[in-house]
Amino acid sequence: MRPVGMIEPVVRQMILCEEAERDPENPNRINIMGLMNVVIRPVGETLPVLIPQIAVYLLLAGGRGPATVSLAGHYADTDRMIFETAGRTVNFGNDPLRAHGLIHRVRDVRIVRTGLYWIRFRYNGRTIAEQLLEVR
């Protein structure tokens, strides 16, 4: 059961990239660098592969009140978790029409096998969006 006053947001965008940052001249604009849907091991590099950083940009709308948000990565074939970020509190305020842009960064992601990985966004412990990341 949802606490009174809480409205779960809708994820309008979830973008995996190498880096995302707010434009210093316009904080409502986000600069996305290095879109990431496939990671290819450098020639001659063996497993495991270390991805220095995965940045995830999320545009959320419709939320209300405080919530705990986090990310998790799962190997798609087995659903085995490869990383999980600590939860962070986000206050969506009282205006459910306001859009919220969030940037999460996950550093040093260790990949032990090629294949598909789900990157999942969790809101109060429940997955509400996911994107595939392929590792070759």
N, C-alpha and C. Protein backbone atom coordinates (compact mmCIF):
# COMPACT_ATOMS: atom_id res chain seq x y z
N MET A 1 0.83 -1.18 0.00
CA MET A 1 0.00 0.00 0.00
C MET A 1 0.88 1.25 0.00
N ARG A 2 0.52 2.21 -0.81
CA ARG A 2 1.25 3.45 -0.96
C ARG A 2 0.93 4.40 0.19
N PRO A 3 1.97 5.07 0.78
CA PRO A 3 1.67 6.06 1.82
C PRO A 3 0.79 7.18 1.26
N VAL A 4 -0.03 7.78 2.12
CA VAL A 4 -0.92 8.86 1.71
C VAL A 4 -0.09 10.00 1.12
N GLY A 5 -0.57 10.56 0.02
CA GLY A 5 0.11 11.68 -0.61
C GLY A 5 1.18 11.28 -1.60
N MET A 6 1.50 9.99 -1.70
CA MET A 6 2.55 9.53 -2.62
C MET A 6 1.92 9.17 -3.96
N ILE A 7 2.51 9.69 -5.02
CA ILE A 7 2.10 9.34 -6.37
C ILE A 7 3.35 8.86 -7.08
N GLU A 8 3.30 7.66 -7.61
CA GLU A 8 4.46 7.10 -8.32
C GLU A 8 4.68 7.84 -9.64
N PRO A 9 5.92 8.19 -9.94
CA PRO A 9 6.17 8.91 -11.18
C PRO A 9 6.13 8.00 -12.40
N VAL A 10 6.00 8.62 -13.56
CA VAL A 10 6.11 7.94 -14.84
C VAL A 10 7.49 8.27 -15.39
N VAL A 11 8.21 7.25 -15.86
CA VAL A 11 9.53 7.48 -16.45
C VAL A 11 9.33 7.80 -17.92
N ARG A 12 9.61 9.04 -18.29
CA ARG A 12 9.45 9.47 -19.68
C ARG A 12 10.69 9.15 -20.50
N GLN A 13 11.86 9.22 -19.88
CA GLN A 13 13.11 8.90 -20.56
C GLN A 13 14.04 8.21 -19.58
N MET A 14 14.75 7.21 -20.08
CA MET A 14 15.83 6.57 -19.33
C MET A 14 16.94 6.32 -20.33
N ILE A 15 18.03 7.06 -20.18
CA ILE A 15 19.11 7.04 -21.16
C ILE A 15 20.39 6.56 -20.49
N LEU A 16 21.01 5.52 -21.07
CA LEU A 16 22.31 5.05 -20.60
C LEU A 16 23.39 5.74 -21.42
N CYS A 17 24.42 6.23 -20.74
CA CYS A 17 25.49 6.95 -21.43
C CYS A 17 26.76 6.90 -20.59
N GLU A 18 27.84 7.44 -21.18
CA GLU A 18 29.10 7.51 -20.44
C GLU A 18 29.08 8.64 -19.42
N GLU A 19 28.41 9.76 -19.78
CA GLU A 19 28.31 10.89 -18.86
C GLU A 19 27.09 11.72 -19.19
N ALA A 20 26.48 12.27 -18.17
CA ALA A 20 25.36 13.21 -18.30
C ALA A 20 25.62 14.32 -17.30
N GLU A 21 25.38 15.55 -17.73
CA GLU A 21 25.61 16.67 -16.83
C GLU A 21 24.65 17.81 -17.15
N ARG A 22 24.35 18.57 -16.15
CA ARG A 22 23.51 19.76 -16.35
C ARG A 22 24.34 20.83 -17.04
N ASP A 23 23.73 21.51 -17.98
CA ASP A 23 24.38 22.62 -18.67
C ASP A 23 24.57 23.75 -17.67
N PRO A 24 25.81 24.22 -17.46
CA PRO A 24 26.04 25.27 -16.46
C PRO A 24 25.31 26.58 -16.78
N GLU A 25 25.01 26.80 -18.07
CA GLU A 25 24.33 28.03 -18.45
C GLU A 25 22.80 27.89 -18.41
N ASN A 26 22.31 26.65 -18.41
CA ASN A 26 20.87 26.41 -18.37
C ASN A 26 20.64 25.09 -17.62
N PRO A 27 20.38 25.15 -16.31
CA PRO A 27 20.24 23.93 -15.52
C PRO A 27 19.08 23.03 -15.94
N ASN A 28 18.17 23.53 -16.77
CA ASN A 28 17.08 22.69 -17.27
C ASN A 28 17.50 21.88 -18.50
N ARG A 29 18.70 22.13 -19.01
CA ARG A 29 19.21 21.40 -20.18
C ARG A 29 20.24 20.38 -19.70
N ILE A 30 20.13 19.17 -20.21
CA ILE A 30 21.06 18.10 -19.85
C ILE A 30 21.91 17.76 -21.07
N ASN A 31 23.22 17.68 -20.87
CA ASN A 31 24.14 17.26 -21.92
C ASN A 31 24.44 15.78 -21.73
N ILE A 32 24.18 15.01 -22.78
CA ILE A 32 24.39 13.55 -22.77
C ILE A 32 25.60 13.25 -23.64
N MET A 33 26.58 12.55 -23.10
CA MET A 33 27.77 12.19 -23.86
C MET A 33 27.95 10.67 -23.89
N GLY A 34 28.22 10.15 -25.07
CA GLY A 34 28.52 8.73 -25.20
C GLY A 34 27.33 7.83 -24.94
N LEU A 35 26.27 7.99 -25.74
CA LEU A 35 25.12 7.09 -25.57
C LEU A 35 25.60 5.65 -25.53
N MET A 36 24.99 4.85 -24.70
CA MET A 36 25.50 3.51 -24.45
C MET A 36 24.35 2.50 -24.53
N ASN A 37 24.34 1.71 -25.60
CA ASN A 37 23.43 0.58 -25.63
C ASN A 37 24.18 -0.71 -25.91
N VAL A 38 25.43 -0.57 -26.43
CA VAL A 38 26.30 -1.72 -26.65
C VAL A 38 27.70 -1.36 -26.16
N VAL A 39 28.29 -2.25 -25.39
CA VAL A 39 29.69 -2.10 -24.96
C VAL A 39 30.47 -3.21 -25.66
N ILE A 40 31.49 -2.81 -26.43
CA ILE A 40 32.30 -3.79 -27.16
C ILE A 40 33.68 -3.83 -26.52
N ARG A 41 34.10 -5.03 -26.13
CA ARG A 41 35.43 -5.20 -25.54
C ARG A 41 36.49 -4.79 -26.55
N PRO A 42 37.51 -4.09 -26.10
CA PRO A 42 38.62 -3.79 -27.00
C PRO A 42 39.26 -5.10 -27.50
N VAL A 43 39.74 -5.08 -28.74
CA VAL A 43 40.37 -6.27 -29.34
C VAL A 43 41.48 -6.76 -28.43
N GLY A 44 41.47 -8.06 -28.15
CA GLY A 44 42.48 -8.67 -27.32
C GLY A 44 42.21 -8.62 -25.83
N GLU A 45 41.23 -7.85 -25.42
CA GLU A 45 40.91 -7.78 -23.99
C GLU A 45 40.04 -8.96 -23.62
N THR A 46 40.38 -9.60 -22.52
CA THR A 46 39.62 -10.76 -22.06
C THR A 46 38.66 -10.34 -20.95
N LEU A 47 37.78 -11.25 -20.63
CA LEU A 47 36.85 -11.02 -19.53
C LEU A 47 37.56 -11.25 -18.21
N PRO A 48 37.22 -10.62 -17.13
CA PRO A 48 36.16 -9.63 -17.01
C PRO A 48 36.56 -8.28 -17.62
N VAL A 49 35.54 -7.50 -17.98
CA VAL A 49 35.71 -6.16 -18.50
C VAL A 49 35.25 -5.18 -17.43
N LEU A 50 35.97 -4.11 -17.27
CA LEU A 50 35.58 -3.08 -16.31
C LEU A 50 35.08 -1.86 -17.08
N ILE A 51 33.81 -1.53 -16.88
CA ILE A 51 33.25 -0.31 -17.47
C ILE A 51 33.47 0.79 -16.43
N PRO A 52 34.28 1.79 -16.78
CA PRO A 52 34.62 2.81 -15.77
C PRO A 52 33.40 3.53 -15.19
N GLN A 53 32.41 3.82 -16.04
CA GLN A 53 31.22 4.50 -15.54
C GLN A 53 30.05 4.30 -16.48
N ILE A 54 28.90 4.07 -15.88
CA ILE A 54 27.63 4.12 -16.60
C ILE A 54 26.84 5.25 -15.94
N ALA A 55 26.47 6.24 -16.75
CA ALA A 55 25.61 7.31 -16.26
C ALA A 55 24.20 7.03 -16.78
N VAL A 56 23.23 7.28 -15.95
CA VAL A 56 21.84 7.06 -16.33
C VAL A 56 21.08 8.36 -16.09
N TYR A 57 20.50 8.88 -17.19
CA TYR A 57 19.67 10.08 -17.08
C TYR A 57 18.22 9.63 -17.11
N LEU A 58 17.43 10.13 -16.16
CA LEU A 58 16.01 9.81 -16.09
C LEU A 58 15.21 11.10 -16.07
N LEU A 59 14.16 11.14 -16.87
CA LEU A 59 13.19 12.23 -16.82
C LEU A 59 11.91 11.63 -16.29
N LEU A 60 11.49 12.12 -15.13
CA LEU A 60 10.33 11.58 -14.44
C LEU A 60 9.25 12.64 -14.35
N ALA A 61 8.02 12.22 -14.46
CA ALA A 61 6.88 13.14 -14.33
C ALA A 61 5.81 12.45 -13.50
N GLY A 62 5.03 13.24 -12.80
CA GLY A 62 3.88 12.69 -12.09
C GLY A 62 4.14 12.26 -10.67
N GLY A 63 5.36 12.41 -10.16
CA GLY A 63 5.61 12.00 -8.79
C GLY A 63 5.16 13.04 -7.79
N ARG A 64 5.00 12.59 -6.56
CA ARG A 64 4.64 13.50 -5.47
C ARG A 64 5.24 12.96 -4.18
N GLY A 65 5.81 13.86 -3.39
CA GLY A 65 6.35 13.48 -2.09
C GLY A 65 7.74 12.88 -2.17
N PRO A 66 8.30 12.51 -1.02
CA PRO A 66 9.64 11.92 -0.98
C PRO A 66 9.61 10.45 -1.38
N ALA A 67 10.74 10.00 -1.93
CA ALA A 67 10.87 8.60 -2.32
C ALA A 67 12.34 8.21 -2.29
N THR A 68 12.59 6.92 -2.21
CA THR A 68 13.95 6.40 -2.30
C THR A 68 14.10 5.78 -3.69
N VAL A 69 15.15 6.23 -4.41
CA VAL A 69 15.40 5.72 -5.76
C VAL A 69 16.78 5.09 -5.82
N SER A 70 16.93 4.10 -6.71
CA SER A 70 18.22 3.42 -6.87
C SER A 70 18.27 2.77 -8.24
N LEU A 71 19.45 2.26 -8.58
CA LEU A 71 19.66 1.51 -9.82
C LEU A 71 20.19 0.13 -9.48
N ALA A 72 19.91 -0.83 -10.36
CA ALA A 72 20.49 -2.16 -10.24
C ALA A 72 20.76 -2.69 -11.64
N GLY A 73 21.83 -3.45 -11.78
CA GLY A 73 22.14 -4.11 -13.05
C GLY A 73 22.01 -5.60 -12.87
N HIS A 74 21.36 -6.25 -13.84
CA HIS A 74 21.13 -7.70 -13.77
C HIS A 74 21.51 -8.34 -15.10
N TYR A 75 22.19 -9.49 -15.03
CA TYR A 75 22.47 -10.28 -16.22
C TYR A 75 21.14 -10.85 -16.70
N ALA A 76 20.76 -10.58 -17.95
CA ALA A 76 19.41 -10.91 -18.43
C ALA A 76 19.12 -12.42 -18.44
N ASP A 77 20.12 -13.25 -18.77
CA ASP A 77 19.87 -14.69 -18.87
C ASP A 77 19.51 -15.34 -17.55
N THR A 78 20.11 -14.86 -16.45
CA THR A 78 19.90 -15.50 -15.16
C THR A 78 19.23 -14.59 -14.13
N ASP A 79 19.12 -13.31 -14.45
CA ASP A 79 18.61 -12.27 -13.56
C ASP A 79 19.54 -12.05 -12.36
N ARG A 80 20.77 -12.54 -12.47
CA ARG A 80 21.77 -12.34 -11.39
C ARG A 80 22.17 -10.87 -11.33
N MET A 81 22.13 -10.29 -10.13
CA MET A 81 22.49 -8.89 -9.94
C MET A 81 24.00 -8.72 -10.04
N ILE A 82 24.45 -7.72 -10.82
CA ILE A 82 25.88 -7.43 -10.92
C ILE A 82 26.25 -6.16 -10.18
N PHE A 83 25.29 -5.27 -9.97
CA PHE A 83 25.53 -4.10 -9.13
C PHE A 83 24.20 -3.57 -8.61
N GLU A 84 24.31 -2.82 -7.55
CA GLU A 84 23.15 -2.15 -6.96
C GLU A 84 23.67 -0.87 -6.31
N THR A 85 23.03 0.25 -6.60
CA THR A 85 23.45 1.50 -5.97
C THR A 85 22.72 1.68 -4.64
N ALA A 86 23.31 2.47 -3.79
CA ALA A 86 22.64 2.81 -2.54
C ALA A 86 21.42 3.66 -2.87
N GLY A 87 20.38 3.50 -2.12
CA GLY A 87 19.19 4.32 -2.32
C GLY A 87 19.47 5.77 -1.97
N ARG A 88 18.86 6.66 -2.72
CA ARG A 88 18.97 8.08 -2.39
C ARG A 88 17.57 8.66 -2.35
N THR A 89 17.38 9.61 -1.47
CA THR A 89 16.06 10.21 -1.29
C THR A 89 15.89 11.37 -2.27
N VAL A 90 14.76 11.36 -2.95
CA VAL A 90 14.38 12.43 -3.87
C VAL A 90 13.02 12.93 -3.42
N ASN A 91 12.87 14.24 -3.34
CA ASN A 91 11.58 14.81 -2.99
C ASN A 91 10.94 15.36 -4.25
N PHE A 92 9.84 14.77 -4.66
CA PHE A 92 9.14 15.19 -5.86
C PHE A 92 8.24 16.40 -5.61
N GLY A 93 8.16 16.84 -4.36
CA GLY A 93 7.35 18.01 -4.05
C GLY A 93 5.86 17.71 -4.11
N ASN A 94 5.06 18.77 -4.24
CA ASN A 94 3.60 18.61 -4.23
C ASN A 94 2.95 18.81 -5.58
N ASP A 95 3.74 19.11 -6.61
CA ASP A 95 3.20 19.37 -7.94
C ASP A 95 3.43 18.16 -8.83
N PRO A 96 2.44 17.29 -9.01
CA PRO A 96 2.64 16.08 -9.80
C PRO A 96 2.83 16.37 -11.29
N LEU A 97 2.63 17.60 -11.73
CA LEU A 97 2.83 17.94 -13.14
C LEU A 97 4.28 18.34 -13.43
N ARG A 98 5.05 18.61 -12.41
CA ARG A 98 6.44 19.04 -12.59
C ARG A 98 7.30 17.85 -13.01
N ALA A 99 8.16 18.06 -14.01
CA ALA A 99 9.10 17.03 -14.46
C ALA A 99 10.38 17.13 -13.62
N HIS A 100 11.00 15.99 -13.35
CA HIS A 100 12.23 15.92 -12.57
C HIS A 100 13.28 15.17 -13.38
N GLY A 101 14.43 15.78 -13.56
CA GLY A 101 15.54 15.11 -14.22
C GLY A 101 16.54 14.63 -13.18
N LEU A 102 16.86 13.35 -13.23
CA LEU A 102 17.82 12.75 -12.29
C LEU A 102 18.99 12.18 -13.07
N ILE A 103 20.17 12.31 -12.50
CA ILE A 103 21.36 11.69 -13.08
C ILE A 103 21.95 10.76 -12.02
N HIS A 104 22.13 9.50 -12.38
CA HIS A 104 22.78 8.51 -11.52
C HIS A 104 24.07 8.09 -12.21
N ARG A 105 25.10 7.87 -11.43
CA ARG A 105 26.36 7.37 -11.97
C ARG A 105 26.75 6.11 -11.22
N VAL A 106 27.14 5.10 -11.99
CA VAL A 106 27.61 3.84 -11.41
C VAL A 106 29.04 3.67 -11.89
N ARG A 107 29.97 3.57 -10.96
CA ARG A 107 31.38 3.47 -11.33
C ARG A 107 31.89 2.04 -11.20
N ASP A 108 32.87 1.73 -12.06
CA ASP A 108 33.59 0.46 -12.01
C ASP A 108 32.66 -0.75 -12.05
N VAL A 109 31.88 -0.85 -13.13
CA VAL A 109 30.97 -1.98 -13.32
C VAL A 109 31.77 -3.12 -13.92
N ARG A 110 31.85 -4.22 -13.19
CA ARG A 110 32.65 -5.38 -13.61
C ARG A 110 31.74 -6.37 -14.32
N ILE A 111 32.07 -6.65 -15.59
CA ILE A 111 31.28 -7.57 -16.42
C ILE A 111 32.09 -8.85 -16.61
N VAL A 112 31.52 -9.98 -16.20
CA VAL A 112 32.25 -11.24 -16.27
C VAL A 112 31.86 -12.11 -17.47
N ARG A 113 30.78 -11.74 -18.17
CA ARG A 113 30.39 -12.49 -19.37
C ARG A 113 29.69 -11.58 -20.35
N THR A 114 29.81 -11.92 -21.61
CA THR A 114 29.12 -11.15 -22.64
C THR A 114 27.63 -11.48 -22.60
N GLY A 115 26.84 -10.62 -23.20
CA GLY A 115 25.40 -10.87 -23.25
C GLY A 115 24.61 -9.60 -22.95
N LEU A 116 23.36 -9.81 -22.60
CA LEU A 116 22.45 -8.70 -22.31
C LEU A 116 22.33 -8.48 -20.81
N TYR A 117 22.26 -7.21 -20.44
CA TYR A 117 22.11 -6.80 -19.05
C TYR A 117 20.95 -5.81 -18.95
N TRP A 118 20.12 -5.99 -17.94
CA TRP A 118 19.07 -5.02 -17.64
C TRP A 118 19.61 -4.01 -16.65
N ILE A 119 19.47 -2.74 -16.97
CA ILE A 119 19.75 -1.67 -16.01
C ILE A 119 18.38 -1.20 -15.54
N ARG A 120 18.11 -1.36 -14.26
CA ARG A 120 16.77 -1.13 -13.71
C ARG A 120 16.75 0.08 -12.77
N PHE A 121 15.72 0.89 -12.93
CA PHE A 121 15.48 2.03 -12.03
C PHE A 121 14.40 1.62 -11.05
N ARG A 122 14.72 1.80 -9.77
CA ARG A 122 13.79 1.39 -8.73
C ARG A 122 13.31 2.61 -7.94
N TYR A 123 12.04 2.60 -7.69
CA TYR A 123 11.36 3.65 -6.94
C TYR A 123 10.75 2.99 -5.71
N ASN A 124 11.22 3.37 -4.54
CA ASN A 124 10.77 2.75 -3.29
C ASN A 124 10.85 1.22 -3.36
N GLY A 125 11.95 0.73 -3.93
CA GLY A 125 12.21 -0.71 -3.98
C GLY A 125 11.56 -1.46 -5.11
N ARG A 126 10.76 -0.80 -5.93
CA ARG A 126 10.05 -1.46 -7.03
C ARG A 126 10.59 -0.96 -8.37
N THR A 127 10.90 -1.90 -9.28
CA THR A 127 11.38 -1.51 -10.61
C THR A 127 10.24 -0.87 -11.39
N ILE A 128 10.51 0.38 -11.86
CA ILE A 128 9.48 1.05 -12.67
C ILE A 128 9.98 1.36 -14.08
N ALA A 129 11.27 1.10 -14.36
CA ALA A 129 11.79 1.27 -15.72
C ALA A 129 13.07 0.45 -15.86
N GLU A 130 13.34 0.02 -17.08
CA GLU A 130 14.57 -0.72 -17.33
C GLU A 130 15.00 -0.51 -18.78
N GLN A 131 16.32 -0.59 -18.98
CA GLN A 131 16.92 -0.48 -20.32
C GLN A 131 17.90 -1.61 -20.48
N LEU A 132 18.01 -2.12 -21.72
CA LEU A 132 18.97 -3.17 -22.01
C LEU A 132 20.33 -2.57 -22.35
N LEU A 133 21.38 -3.25 -21.91
CA LEU A 133 22.75 -2.93 -22.27
C LEU A 133 23.38 -4.23 -22.75
N GLU A 134 23.89 -4.22 -23.98
CA GLU A 134 24.52 -5.41 -24.55
C GLU A 134 26.03 -5.29 -24.39
N VAL A 135 26.65 -6.39 -23.96
CA VAL A 135 28.11 -6.44 -23.83
C VAL A 135 28.59 -7.53 -24.78
N ARG A 136 29.49 -7.13 -25.69
CA ARG A 136 30.04 -8.09 -26.68
C ARG A 136 31.50 -8.34 -26.41
